[in-house]
Amino acid sequence: MKKRDKIIYWISTVWLAAGMLATGVQQLMKVQLEGALSPPGVYGIIQLGYPVYVLTLIGVWKLLGVVALLIPKYALVKEWTYAGIFFLLTGAIFSHLAVEHPAAELFPAAFLLVLTILSWYFRPPSRKTTMANP
């Protein structure tokens, strides 16, 4: 693995983990930060048409995803984590589009989605699953 690829992997993974951690904690606490774009707080989730209890579920998933991304080994768990984060973020983007939010409110989810794709693509061989030949 090239040094450039490792750098891209770790920068995108750390930023992704930080974003998931920050929003996951905020969702578990069910708070809305002053001046923040509407989601991921209570006001934002209601505005998107979801019940408030969804924040707890999403917050827990995000925190578990951060742990799965950062711990060594468990390549299959990491694959599922990347898939889960991908579905979560594309769902967030679609939800914003469905309620016709301005483009600025798509940015956080879109940025994290780009980081997810970069982290997945540049992950080292030790963090990839191996397929057995039939």
Protein backbone atom coordinates (compact mmCIF):
# COMPACT_ATOMS: atom_id res chain seq x y z
CA MET A 1 0.00 0.00 0.00
CA LYS A 2 1.36 3.40 -0.99
CA LYS A 3 2.07 6.04 1.62
CA ARG A 4 -0.33 8.42 -0.16
CA ASP A 5 -3.15 5.85 0.10
CA LYS A 6 -2.50 5.35 3.82
CA ILE A 7 -2.62 9.10 4.41
CA ILE A 8 -5.89 9.45 2.48
CA TYR A 9 -7.33 6.47 4.36
CA TRP A 10 -6.45 7.73 7.82
CA ILE A 11 -7.46 11.35 7.21
CA SER A 12 -10.82 10.35 5.74
CA THR A 13 -11.41 7.71 8.43
CA VAL A 14 -10.55 10.00 11.34
CA TRP A 15 -12.75 12.79 9.94
CA LEU A 16 -15.57 10.32 9.30
CA ALA A 17 -15.26 8.88 12.81
CA ALA A 18 -15.21 12.37 14.33
CA GLY A 19 -18.32 13.39 12.39
CA MET A 20 -20.18 10.21 13.31
CA LEU A 21 -19.10 10.51 16.96
CA ALA A 22 -20.13 14.17 17.26
CA THR A 23 -23.52 13.74 15.63
CA GLY A 24 -24.15 10.40 17.37
CA VAL A 25 -23.56 11.93 20.81
CA GLN A 26 -25.70 14.94 19.91
CA GLN A 27 -28.50 12.63 18.79
CA LEU A 28 -28.30 10.53 21.95
CA MET A 29 -28.45 13.67 24.06
CA LYS A 30 -31.34 14.93 21.90
CA VAL A 31 -29.97 18.46 21.82
CA GLN A 32 -29.95 21.13 19.17
CA LEU A 33 -26.79 23.22 19.00
CA GLU A 34 -27.24 26.97 18.79
CA GLY A 35 -26.89 28.14 15.20
CA ALA A 36 -26.50 24.60 13.82
CA LEU A 37 -28.27 23.49 10.69
CA SER A 38 -31.46 21.71 11.69
CA PRO A 39 -30.52 18.00 11.88
CA PRO A 40 -29.29 16.01 13.76
CA GLY A 41 -31.20 17.52 16.71
CA VAL A 42 -34.79 17.11 17.85
CA TYR A 43 -36.10 20.04 15.81
CA GLY A 44 -34.36 18.74 12.69
CA ILE A 45 -35.63 15.18 13.01
CA ILE A 46 -39.21 16.41 13.50
CA GLN A 47 -38.80 18.74 10.52
CA LEU A 48 -37.80 15.73 8.41
CA GLY A 49 -40.95 13.91 9.53
CA TYR A 50 -39.40 11.28 11.80
CA PRO A 51 -40.34 10.54 15.42
CA VAL A 52 -37.87 11.73 18.07
CA TYR A 53 -37.09 8.18 19.26
CA VAL A 54 -35.27 7.60 15.95
CA LEU A 55 -32.48 9.82 17.30
CA THR A 56 -31.61 7.21 19.94
CA LEU A 57 -31.43 4.42 17.38
CA ILE A 58 -29.33 6.42 14.92
CA GLY A 59 -27.07 7.75 17.69
CA VAL A 60 -26.32 4.25 18.99
CA TRP A 61 -25.65 2.95 15.47
CA LYS A 62 -23.24 5.80 14.81
CA LEU A 63 -21.27 5.22 18.02
CA LEU A 64 -21.03 1.47 17.32
CA GLY A 65 -19.94 2.30 13.77
CA VAL A 66 -17.13 4.52 15.04
CA VAL A 67 -15.85 1.71 17.24
CA ALA A 68 -16.06 -0.79 14.37
CA LEU A 69 -14.18 1.51 11.99
CA LEU A 70 -11.33 2.28 14.36
CA ILE A 71 -10.58 -1.06 16.02
CA PRO A 72 -8.09 -3.33 14.27
CA LYS A 73 -9.11 -6.56 12.52
CA TYR A 74 -12.77 -7.61 12.05
CA ALA A 75 -12.80 -6.85 8.32
CA LEU A 76 -16.30 -8.21 7.80
CA VAL A 77 -17.68 -6.01 10.57
CA LYS A 78 -16.00 -3.03 8.89
CA GLU A 79 -17.64 -3.90 5.54
CA TRP A 80 -21.05 -3.95 7.22
CA THR A 81 -20.22 -0.70 8.99
CA TYR A 82 -19.33 1.06 5.75
CA ALA A 83 -22.56 -0.22 4.20
CA GLY A 84 -24.60 0.95 7.19
CA ILE A 85 -23.03 4.40 7.17
CA PHE A 86 -23.56 4.63 3.41
CA PHE A 87 -27.27 3.77 3.79
CA LEU A 88 -27.65 6.15 6.75
CA LEU A 89 -26.11 9.08 4.88
CA THR A 90 -27.88 8.49 1.57
CA GLY A 91 -31.12 8.24 3.56
CA ALA A 92 -30.34 11.56 5.23
CA ILE A 93 -29.67 13.20 1.86
CA PHE A 94 -32.87 11.76 0.41
CA SER A 95 -34.85 12.93 3.46
CA HIS A 96 -33.59 16.49 3.00
CA LEU A 97 -34.44 16.39 -0.69
CA ALA A 98 -37.91 14.98 0.03
CA VAL A 99 -38.83 17.90 2.29
CA GLU A 100 -37.15 20.36 -0.09
CA HIS A 101 -34.51 21.67 2.29
CA PRO A 102 -31.98 24.12 0.86
CA ALA A 103 -28.77 22.68 -0.56
CA ALA A 104 -26.77 23.93 2.44
CA GLU A 105 -28.53 21.38 4.65
CA LEU A 106 -27.38 18.55 2.36
CA PHE A 107 -23.72 19.44 2.84
CA PRO A 108 -22.98 17.71 6.19
CA ALA A 109 -24.41 14.36 5.06
CA ALA A 110 -22.87 14.67 1.58
CA PHE A 111 -19.46 15.50 3.07
CA LEU A 112 -19.60 12.50 5.40
CA LEU A 113 -20.72 10.34 2.47
CA VAL A 114 -17.64 11.39 0.48
CA LEU A 115 -15.45 10.59 3.51
CA THR A 116 -17.14 7.18 3.79
CA ILE A 117 -16.39 6.36 0.17
CA LEU A 118 -12.78 7.56 0.45
CA SER A 119 -12.20 5.63 3.67
CA TRP A 120 -13.70 2.47 2.19
CA TYR A 121 -11.80 2.75 -1.10
CA PHE A 122 -8.39 3.44 0.44
CA ARG A 123 -8.61 1.01 3.38
CA PRO A 124 -5.52 -1.14 3.82
CA PRO A 125 -5.55 -4.85 2.92
CA SER A 126 -5.72 -5.80 6.61
CA ARG A 127 -9.12 -4.09 6.80
CA LYS A 128 -10.56 -5.75 3.70
CA THR A 129 -12.44 -9.00 3.51
CA THR A 130 -10.94 -11.76 1.41
CA MET A 131 -13.08 -13.75 -0.94
CA ALA A 132 -12.45 -17.45 -1.22
CA ASN A 133 -12.36 -18.81 -4.73
CA PRO A 134 -15.10 -21.40 -5.33
